[in-house]
Amino acid sequence: MKLILSISLLFSLSIFKAQEHISSFNALTVTYKFHPKFFLYAEGQLRGIEDYTYPDYYEIKGGLGYNLTKNHKPFIGLGRYATYKDHAINKEEFRVWLQDVIDFKSGVVKFENRFRAEKSWFYEPQTDKNSERMRYRYRLNVSVPLNAKKIGPGTLFANAYDEIFVVTPMKPSFARNRVYGGLGYQIDENFGILGGYLWQREFEAKGNKNVHFVYLALNINIDDTGNNNKTYHFPGAD
């Protein structure tokens, strides 16, 4: 207990010294399995980056996934993203992406490897500027049920991941690193909640930046396939 308190104190002091603050990261996700092989996914987000209580970023996205095998799930998606500054839109983004998810289990621990390639088009209305970007991401996500052998209704679980971001043509190419840790609870067959801490490190030519998020999410899983062996999708902070 003393060790936990000491680590928490050091973490708080480091944030204070760097004049950093806590930001909000709120998400609602829906996964709809309409076929044994295919599923639809949709997500909405609100983030308060500069001020925890005031959203200055949002995104709406979705796509189609395919269960190639039990542990292999390619996906195609698209979305709209907007950043606000001084209560006005500062940057708009339209993004399409391809991803591949390969997961495996070791005992009760599930390891998820996610590879993603993104193409983005940006527009900055205040300066009438257009730009483009390619971004490549890799995430290793680990989930562990705490009161059962697998995640199902009534299961409490722990979740942690690390994700790296590489961009082009911007510099530096290694643009971001995310580290997350939190807990989730599968309420019933349809609803699950998650909460945790997300540390985001931004690497920029003008100077690096840390962002500290409190992550809260409601996940809705709908399975119309009639499968008795249901699985539950927890996308995590994305």
C-alpha atoms as a PDB file:
ATOM      1  CA  MET A   1       0.000   0.000   0.000  1.00  0.00           C
ATOM      2  CA  LYS A   2       2.856   2.358   0.826  1.00  0.00           C
ATOM      3  CA  LEU A   3       4.437   1.602  -2.548  1.00  0.00           C
ATOM      4  CA  ILE A   4       1.184   2.445  -4.386  1.00  0.00           C
ATOM      5  CA  LEU A   5       0.832   5.727  -2.451  1.00  0.00           C
ATOM      6  CA  SER A   6       4.456   6.635  -3.180  1.00  0.00           C
ATOM      7  CA  ILE A   7       4.040   5.972  -6.914  1.00  0.00           C
ATOM      8  CA  SER A   8       0.798   7.993  -6.985  1.00  0.00           C
ATOM      9  CA  LEU A   9       2.507  10.908  -5.192  1.00  0.00           C
ATOM     10  CA  LEU A  10       5.460  10.888  -7.586  1.00  0.00           C
ATOM     11  CA  PHE A  11       3.093  10.758 -10.580  1.00  0.00           C
ATOM     12  CA  SER A  12       1.064  13.707  -9.232  1.00  0.00           C
ATOM     13  CA  LEU A  13       4.193  15.750  -8.585  1.00  0.00           C
ATOM     14  CA  SER A  14       5.555  15.044 -12.071  1.00  0.00           C
ATOM     15  CA  ILE A  15       2.312  16.271 -13.662  1.00  0.00           C
ATOM     16  CA  PHE A  16       2.289  19.394 -11.481  1.00  0.00           C
ATOM     17  CA  LYS A  17       5.934  20.161 -12.220  1.00  0.00           C
ATOM     18  CA  ALA A  18       5.347  19.900 -15.966  1.00  0.00           C
ATOM     19  CA  GLN A  19       2.187  22.029 -15.672  1.00  0.00           C
ATOM     20  CA  GLU A  20       0.207  19.214 -17.233  1.00  0.00           C
ATOM     21  CA  HIS A  21      -3.402  18.365 -16.501  1.00  0.00           C
ATOM     22  CA  ILE A  22      -5.997  15.639 -16.788  1.00  0.00           C
ATOM     23  CA  SER A  23      -8.044  15.423 -20.009  1.00  0.00           C
ATOM     24  CA  SER A  24     -11.267  13.519 -20.697  1.00  0.00           C
ATOM     25  CA  PHE A  25     -11.803  10.710 -23.195  1.00  0.00           C
ATOM     26  CA  ASN A  26     -15.398   9.449 -23.501  1.00  0.00           C
ATOM     27  CA  ALA A  27     -16.618   6.849 -25.983  1.00  0.00           C
ATOM     28  CA  LEU A  28     -19.755   4.972 -27.030  1.00  0.00           C
ATOM     29  CA  THR A  29     -19.254   1.886 -29.216  1.00  0.00           C
ATOM     30  CA  VAL A  30     -21.682  -0.504 -30.908  1.00  0.00           C
ATOM     31  CA  THR A  31     -20.743  -3.879 -32.399  1.00  0.00           C
ATOM     32  CA  TYR A  32     -23.494  -5.604 -34.402  1.00  0.00           C
ATOM     33  CA  LYS A  33     -22.950  -9.207 -35.497  1.00  0.00           C
ATOM     34  CA  PHE A  34     -25.507  -9.823 -38.249  1.00  0.00           C
ATOM     35  CA  HIS A  35     -23.784 -12.862 -39.791  1.00  0.00           C
ATOM     36  CA  PRO A  36     -21.454 -15.585 -38.456  1.00  0.00           C
ATOM     37  CA  LYS A  37     -18.642 -14.051 -40.503  1.00  0.00           C
ATOM     38  CA  PHE A  38     -19.514 -10.325 -40.760  1.00  0.00           C
ATOM     39  CA  PHE A  39     -20.027  -7.556 -38.211  1.00  0.00           C
ATOM     40  CA  LEU A  40     -20.672  -3.804 -38.239  1.00  0.00           C
ATOM     41  CA  TYR A  41     -18.935  -1.429 -35.865  1.00  0.00           C
ATOM     42  CA  ALA A  42     -19.708   2.209 -34.966  1.00  0.00           C
ATOM     43  CA  GLU A  43     -18.141   4.585 -32.455  1.00  0.00           C
ATOM     44  CA  GLY A  44     -18.621   8.137 -31.215  1.00  0.00           C
ATOM     45  CA  GLN A  45     -16.110  10.041 -29.089  1.00  0.00           C
ATOM     46  CA  LEU A  46     -15.892  13.290 -27.148  1.00  0.00           C
ATOM     47  CA  ARG A  47     -12.592  14.455 -25.688  1.00  0.00           C
ATOM     48  CA  GLY A  48     -11.788  17.431 -23.509  1.00  0.00           C
ATOM     49  CA  ILE A  49      -8.083  17.890 -24.201  1.00  0.00           C
ATOM     50  CA  GLU A  50      -7.367  21.446 -23.055  1.00  0.00           C
ATOM     51  CA  ASP A  51     -10.152  21.480 -20.444  1.00  0.00           C
ATOM     52  CA  TYR A  52     -11.523  18.298 -18.860  1.00  0.00           C
ATOM     53  CA  THR A  53     -15.091  19.619 -18.670  1.00  0.00           C
ATOM     54  CA  TYR A  54     -15.259  21.188 -22.154  1.00  0.00           C
ATOM     55  CA  PRO A  55     -15.185  18.899 -25.249  1.00  0.00           C
ATOM     56  CA  ASP A  56     -12.812  20.295 -27.889  1.00  0.00           C
ATOM     57  CA  TYR A  57     -12.547  17.181 -30.062  1.00  0.00           C
ATOM     58  CA  TYR A  58     -15.017  14.685 -31.455  1.00  0.00           C
ATOM     59  CA  GLU A  59     -15.067  11.798 -33.889  1.00  0.00           C
ATOM     60  CA  ILE A  60     -17.722   9.635 -35.542  1.00  0.00           C
ATOM     61  CA  LYS A  61     -16.573   6.488 -37.305  1.00  0.00           C
ATOM     62  CA  GLY A  62     -17.567   2.991 -38.316  1.00  0.00           C
ATOM     63  CA  GLY A  63     -16.960   0.124 -40.666  1.00  0.00           C
ATOM     64  CA  LEU A  64     -17.307  -3.507 -41.643  1.00  0.00           C
ATOM     65  CA  GLY A  65     -15.361  -6.416 -40.207  1.00  0.00           C
ATOM     66  CA  TYR A  66     -14.934 -10.011 -41.313  1.00  0.00           C
ATOM     67  CA  ASN A  67     -14.202 -13.020 -39.092  1.00  0.00           C
ATOM     68  CA  LEU A  68     -11.726 -14.753 -41.379  1.00  0.00           C
ATOM     69  CA  THR A  69     -11.068 -17.244 -38.572  1.00  0.00           C
ATOM     70  CA  LYS A  70     -11.896 -17.312 -34.876  1.00  0.00           C
ATOM     71  CA  ASN A  71      -8.714 -15.334 -34.152  1.00  0.00           C
ATOM     72  CA  HIS A  72      -8.269 -13.294 -37.339  1.00  0.00           C
ATOM     73  CA  LYS A  73     -10.487 -10.282 -38.076  1.00  0.00           C
ATOM     74  CA  PRO A  74      -9.694  -7.881 -40.972  1.00  0.00           C
ATOM     75  CA  PHE A  75     -11.669  -4.621 -40.990  1.00  0.00           C
ATOM     76  CA  ILE A  76     -12.297  -1.562 -43.206  1.00  0.00           C
ATOM     77  CA  GLY A  77     -13.452   1.744 -41.723  1.00  0.00           C
ATOM     78  CA  LEU A  78     -14.011   5.448 -42.286  1.00  0.00           C
ATOM     79  CA  GLY A  79     -14.734   8.431 -40.079  1.00  0.00           C
ATOM     80  CA  ARG A  80     -15.009  12.175 -39.556  1.00  0.00           C
ATOM     81  CA  TYR A  81     -12.935  13.977 -36.917  1.00  0.00           C
ATOM     82  CA  ALA A  82     -12.955  17.593 -35.732  1.00  0.00           C
ATOM     83  CA  THR A  83     -10.757  19.635 -33.386  1.00  0.00           C
ATOM     84  CA  TYR A  84     -11.983  22.874 -31.807  1.00  0.00           C
ATOM     85  CA  LYS A  85      -9.995  25.898 -30.653  1.00  0.00           C
ATOM     86  CA  ASP A  86     -11.575  28.911 -28.943  1.00  0.00           C
ATOM     87  CA  HIS A  87     -15.016  27.293 -29.440  1.00  0.00           C
ATOM     88  CA  ALA A  88     -14.604  27.102 -33.237  1.00  0.00           C
ATOM     89  CA  ILE A  89     -13.558  24.258 -35.535  1.00  0.00           C
ATOM     90  CA  ASN A  90      -9.815  24.466 -36.038  1.00  0.00           C
ATOM     91  CA  LYS A  91      -9.250  21.286 -38.088  1.00  0.00           C
ATOM     92  CA  GLU A  92     -11.486  18.769 -39.856  1.00  0.00           C
ATOM     93  CA  GLU A  93     -10.389  15.311 -40.936  1.00  0.00           C
ATOM     94  CA  PHE A  94     -11.833  12.583 -43.132  1.00  0.00           C
ATOM     95  CA  ARG A  95     -10.122   9.221 -42.631  1.00  0.00           C
ATOM     96  CA  VAL A  96     -10.285   5.750 -44.179  1.00  0.00           C
ATOM     97  CA  TRP A  97      -8.357   2.774 -42.886  1.00  0.00           C
ATOM     98  CA  LEU A  98      -7.615  -0.911 -43.265  1.00  0.00           C
ATOM     99  CA  GLN A  99      -6.737  -3.005 -40.257  1.00  0.00           C
ATOM    100  CA  ASP A 100      -5.997  -6.577 -39.314  1.00  0.00           C
ATOM    101  CA  VAL A 101      -6.505  -8.029 -35.842  1.00  0.00           C
ATOM    102  CA  ILE A 102      -4.847 -11.298 -34.849  1.00  0.00           C
ATOM    103  CA  ASP A 103      -5.387 -12.543 -31.310  1.00  0.00           C
ATOM    104  CA  PHE A 104      -4.493 -15.606 -29.259  1.00  0.00           C
ATOM    105  CA  LYS A 105      -4.939 -16.827 -25.698  1.00  0.00           C
ATOM    106  CA  SER A 106      -2.529 -18.214 -23.137  1.00  0.00           C
ATOM    107  CA  GLY A 107      -4.578 -19.599 -20.287  1.00  0.00           C
ATOM    108  CA  VAL A 108      -7.105 -16.900 -19.381  1.00  0.00           C
ATOM    109  CA  VAL A 109      -4.962 -14.090 -20.849  1.00  0.00           C
ATOM    110  CA  LYS A 110      -5.934 -12.795 -24.289  1.00  0.00           C
ATOM    111  CA  PHE A 111      -3.325 -11.063 -26.490  1.00  0.00           C
ATOM    112  CA  GLU A 112      -4.592  -8.939 -29.389  1.00  0.00           C
ATOM    113  CA  ASN A 113      -2.276  -7.711 -32.144  1.00  0.00           C
ATOM    114  CA  ARG A 114      -3.784  -4.905 -34.211  1.00  0.00           C
ATOM    115  CA  PHE A 115      -2.158  -3.526 -37.376  1.00  0.00           C
ATOM    116  CA  ARG A 116      -3.694  -0.486 -39.085  1.00  0.00           C
ATOM    117  CA  ALA A 117      -2.939   1.695 -42.129  1.00  0.00           C
ATOM    118  CA  GLU A 118      -4.791   5.054 -42.342  1.00  0.00           C
ATOM    119  CA  LYS A 119      -5.201   7.687 -45.041  1.00  0.00           C
ATOM    120  CA  SER A 120      -6.370  11.138 -43.853  1.00  0.00           C
ATOM    121  CA  TRP A 121      -7.425  14.352 -45.591  1.00  0.00           C
ATOM    122  CA  PHE A 122      -7.377  17.534 -43.474  1.00  0.00           C
ATOM    123  CA  TYR A 123      -8.986  20.933 -43.874  1.00  0.00           C
ATOM    124  CA  GLU A 124      -8.286  23.925 -41.603  1.00  0.00           C
ATOM    125  CA  PRO A 125     -11.196  26.390 -42.117  1.00  0.00           C
ATOM    126  CA  GLN A 126      -9.526  29.284 -40.276  1.00  0.00           C
ATOM    127  CA  THR A 127      -6.587  29.320 -42.710  1.00  0.00           C
ATOM    128  CA  ASP A 128      -8.230  27.550 -45.712  1.00  0.00           C
ATOM    129  CA  LYS A 129      -5.407  24.992 -45.683  1.00  0.00           C
ATOM    130  CA  ASN A 130      -5.606  21.430 -47.022  1.00  0.00           C
ATOM    131  CA  SER A 131      -3.206  18.576 -46.260  1.00  0.00           C
ATOM    132  CA  GLU A 132      -2.921  14.781 -46.329  1.00  0.00           C
ATOM    133  CA  ARG A 133      -1.308  12.119 -44.191  1.00  0.00           C
ATOM    134  CA  MET A 134      -0.552   8.406 -44.121  1.00  0.00           C
ATOM    135  CA  ARG A 135      -0.326   6.830 -40.680  1.00  0.00           C
ATOM    136  CA  TYR A 136       0.592   3.322 -39.554  1.00  0.00           C
ATOM    137  CA  ARG A 137      -0.298   1.922 -36.145  1.00  0.00           C
ATOM    138  CA  TYR A 138       0.479  -1.194 -34.134  1.00  0.00           C
ATOM    139  CA  ARG A 139      -1.174  -2.071 -30.818  1.00  0.00           C
ATOM    140  CA  LEU A 140      -0.618  -4.950 -28.412  1.00  0.00           C
ATOM    141  CA  ASN A 141      -3.699  -5.272 -26.210  1.00  0.00           C
ATOM    142  CA  VAL A 142      -3.886  -7.624 -23.215  1.00  0.00           C
ATOM    143  CA  SER A 143      -7.125  -8.590 -21.412  1.00  0.00           C
ATOM    144  CA  VAL A 144      -7.475 -10.746 -18.283  1.00  0.00           C
ATOM    145  CA  PRO A 145     -10.793 -11.804 -16.669  1.00  0.00           C
ATOM    146  CA  LEU A 146     -10.538 -11.434 -12.888  1.00  0.00           C
ATOM    147  CA  ASN A 147     -13.513 -13.402 -11.571  1.00  0.00           C
ATOM    148  CA  ALA A 148     -14.090 -15.977 -14.340  1.00  0.00           C
ATOM    149  CA  LYS A 149     -12.209 -18.079 -16.889  1.00  0.00           C
ATOM    150  CA  LYS A 150     -13.507 -15.991 -19.809  1.00  0.00           C
ATOM    151  CA  ILE A 151     -15.360 -12.700 -20.274  1.00  0.00           C
ATOM    152  CA  GLY A 152     -19.144 -13.017 -20.057  1.00  0.00           C
ATOM    153  CA  PRO A 153     -22.055 -11.401 -18.201  1.00  0.00           C
ATOM    154  CA  GLY A 154     -20.973 -10.455 -14.674  1.00  0.00           C
ATOM    155  CA  THR A 155     -17.251 -10.604 -15.468  1.00  0.00           C
ATOM    156  CA  LEU A 156     -14.769  -8.049 -14.144  1.00  0.00           C
ATOM    157  CA  PHE A 157     -11.606  -7.824 -16.227  1.00  0.00           C
ATOM    158  CA  ALA A 158      -8.343  -5.902 -16.485  1.00  0.00           C
ATOM    159  CA  ASN A 159      -7.118  -4.407 -19.745  1.00  0.00           C
ATOM    160  CA  ALA A 160      -3.781  -2.860 -20.777  1.00  0.00           C
ATOM    161  CA  TYR A 161      -2.143  -1.967 -24.082  1.00  0.00           C
ATOM    162  CA  ASP A 162       0.687  -0.111 -25.775  1.00  0.00           C
ATOM    163  CA  GLU A 163       0.277   1.447 -29.236  1.00  0.00           C
ATOM    164  CA  ILE A 164       2.789   3.165 -31.539  1.00  0.00           C
ATOM    165  CA  PHE A 165       2.048   5.580 -34.419  1.00  0.00           C
ATOM    166  CA  VAL A 166       4.253   6.236 -37.470  1.00  0.00           C
ATOM    167  CA  VAL A 167       3.332   8.970 -39.985  1.00  0.00           C
ATOM    168  CA  THR A 168       4.383  10.232 -43.421  1.00  0.00           C
ATOM    169  CA  PRO A 169       5.238  12.754 -44.880  1.00  0.00           C
ATOM    170  CA  MET A 170       5.401  14.661 -41.557  1.00  0.00           C
ATOM    171  CA  LYS A 171       8.470  14.678 -39.355  1.00  0.00           C
ATOM    172  CA  PRO A 172       9.329  13.137 -36.987  1.00  0.00           C
ATOM    173  CA  SER A 173       8.041   9.870 -38.431  1.00  0.00           C
ATOM    174  CA  PHE A 174       7.567   8.291 -34.994  1.00  0.00           C
ATOM    175  CA  ALA A 175       4.678  10.525 -33.993  1.00  0.00           C
ATOM    176  CA  ARG A 176       2.939   9.068 -30.945  1.00  0.00           C
ATOM    177  CA  ASN A 177       2.942   6.435 -28.246  1.00  0.00           C
ATOM    178  CA  ARG A 178      -0.058   5.441 -26.119  1.00  0.00           C
ATOM    179  CA  VAL A 179      -0.063   3.396 -22.930  1.00  0.00           C
ATOM    180  CA  TYR A 180      -3.352   2.404 -21.282  1.00  0.00           C
ATOM    181  CA  GLY A 181      -4.417   0.530 -18.163  1.00  0.00           C
ATOM    182  CA  GLY A 182      -7.901   0.054 -16.767  1.00  0.00           C
ATOM    183  CA  LEU A 183     -10.775  -2.146 -15.669  1.00  0.00           C
ATOM    184  CA  GLY A 184     -13.978  -3.266 -17.374  1.00  0.00           C
ATOM    185  CA  TYR A 185     -17.204  -4.961 -16.381  1.00  0.00           C
ATOM    186  CA  GLN A 186     -19.534  -6.914 -18.662  1.00  0.00           C
ATOM    187  CA  ILE A 187     -22.952  -6.079 -17.216  1.00  0.00           C
ATOM    188  CA  ASP A 188     -25.042  -8.490 -19.305  1.00  0.00           C
ATOM    189  CA  GLU A 189     -25.099  -9.936 -22.821  1.00  0.00           C
ATOM    190  CA  ASN A 190     -25.321  -6.488 -24.429  1.00  0.00           C
ATOM    191  CA  PHE A 191     -23.730  -3.838 -22.207  1.00  0.00           C
ATOM    192  CA  GLY A 192     -20.204  -3.401 -20.906  1.00  0.00           C
ATOM    193  CA  ILE A 193     -18.391  -0.504 -19.261  1.00  0.00           C
ATOM    194  CA  LEU A 194     -14.703   0.403 -19.115  1.00  0.00           C
ATOM    195  CA  GLY A 195     -12.630   2.981 -17.287  1.00  0.00           C
ATOM    196  CA  GLY A 196      -8.942   3.671 -16.957  1.00  0.00           C
ATOM    197  CA  TYR A 197      -5.952   5.936 -17.494  1.00  0.00           C
ATOM    198  CA  LEU A 198      -4.411   6.665 -20.902  1.00  0.00           C
ATOM    199  CA  TRP A 199      -1.002   8.320 -21.247  1.00  0.00           C
ATOM    200  CA  GLN A 200      -0.319   9.773 -24.699  1.00  0.00           C
ATOM    201  CA  ARG A 201       3.107  11.028 -25.744  1.00  0.00           C
ATOM    202  CA  GLU A 202       3.179  13.304 -28.817  1.00  0.00           C
ATOM    203  CA  PHE A 203       6.495  13.640 -30.685  1.00  0.00           C
ATOM    204  CA  GLU A 204       6.714  16.892 -32.655  1.00  0.00           C
ATOM    205  CA  ALA A 205       9.482  18.965 -34.225  1.00  0.00           C
ATOM    206  CA  LYS A 206       8.525  21.970 -32.056  1.00  0.00           C
ATOM    207  CA  GLY A 207       8.642  19.894 -28.863  1.00  0.00           C
ATOM    208  CA  ASN A 208       7.176  16.782 -27.310  1.00  0.00           C
ATOM    209  CA  LYS A 209       3.929  16.788 -25.338  1.00  0.00           C
ATOM    210  CA  ASN A 210       2.244  14.528 -22.787  1.00  0.00           C
ATOM    211  CA  VAL A 211      -1.535  14.144 -22.563  1.00  0.00           C
ATOM    212  CA  HIS A 212      -3.157  12.402 -19.589  1.00  0.00           C
ATOM    213  CA  PHE A 213      -6.652  11.031 -20.255  1.00  0.00           C
ATOM    214  CA  VAL A 214      -9.289   9.598 -17.954  1.00  0.00           C
ATOM    215  CA  TYR A 215     -11.019   7.077 -20.235  1.00  0.00           C
ATOM    216  CA  LEU A 216     -14.699   6.136 -19.820  1.00  0.00           C
ATOM    217  CA  ALA A 217     -16.640   3.993 -22.299  1.00  0.00           C
ATOM    218  CA  LEU A 218     -19.947   2.227 -22.771  1.00  0.00           C
ATOM    219  CA  ASN A 219     -19.763  -0.737 -25.150  1.00  0.00           C
ATOM    220  CA  ILE A 220     -22.874  -2.287 -26.720  1.00  0.00           C
ATOM    221  CA  ASN A 221     -22.646  -5.757 -28.284  1.00  0.00           C
ATOM    222  CA  ILE A 222     -25.585  -7.067 -30.346  1.00  0.00           C
ATOM    223  CA  ASP A 223     -25.414 -10.613 -31.690  1.00  0.00           C
ATOM    224  CA  ASP A 224     -28.175 -11.689 -34.107  1.00  0.00           C
ATOM    225  CA  THR A 225     -26.402 -14.809 -35.341  1.00  0.00           C
ATOM    226  CA  GLY A 226     -28.013 -17.198 -32.854  1.00  0.00           C
ATOM    227  CA  ASN A 227     -24.593 -18.310 -31.648  1.00  0.00           C
ATOM    228  CA  ASN A 228     -24.738 -19.716 -28.116  1.00  0.00           C
ATOM    229  CA  ASN A 229     -20.995 -19.212 -27.599  1.00  0.00           C
ATOM    230  CA  LYS A 230     -21.014 -15.401 -27.564  1.00  0.00           C
ATOM    231  CA  THR A 231     -17.896 -13.250 -27.606  1.00  0.00           C
ATOM    232  CA  TYR A 232     -17.611  -9.636 -26.469  1.00  0.00           C
ATOM    233  CA  HIS A 233     -15.777  -6.858 -28.268  1.00  0.00           C
ATOM    234  CA  PHE A 234     -13.855  -4.244 -26.273  1.00  0.00           C
ATOM    235  CA  PRO A 235     -12.181  -1.866 -28.721  1.00  0.00           C
ATOM    236  CA  GLY A 236     -10.421   0.271 -26.085  1.00  0.00           C
ATOM    237  CA  ALA A 237      -9.393   3.902 -26.416  1.00  0.00           C
ATOM    238  CA  ASP A 238      -8.879   4.436 -30.153  1.00  0.00           C
END
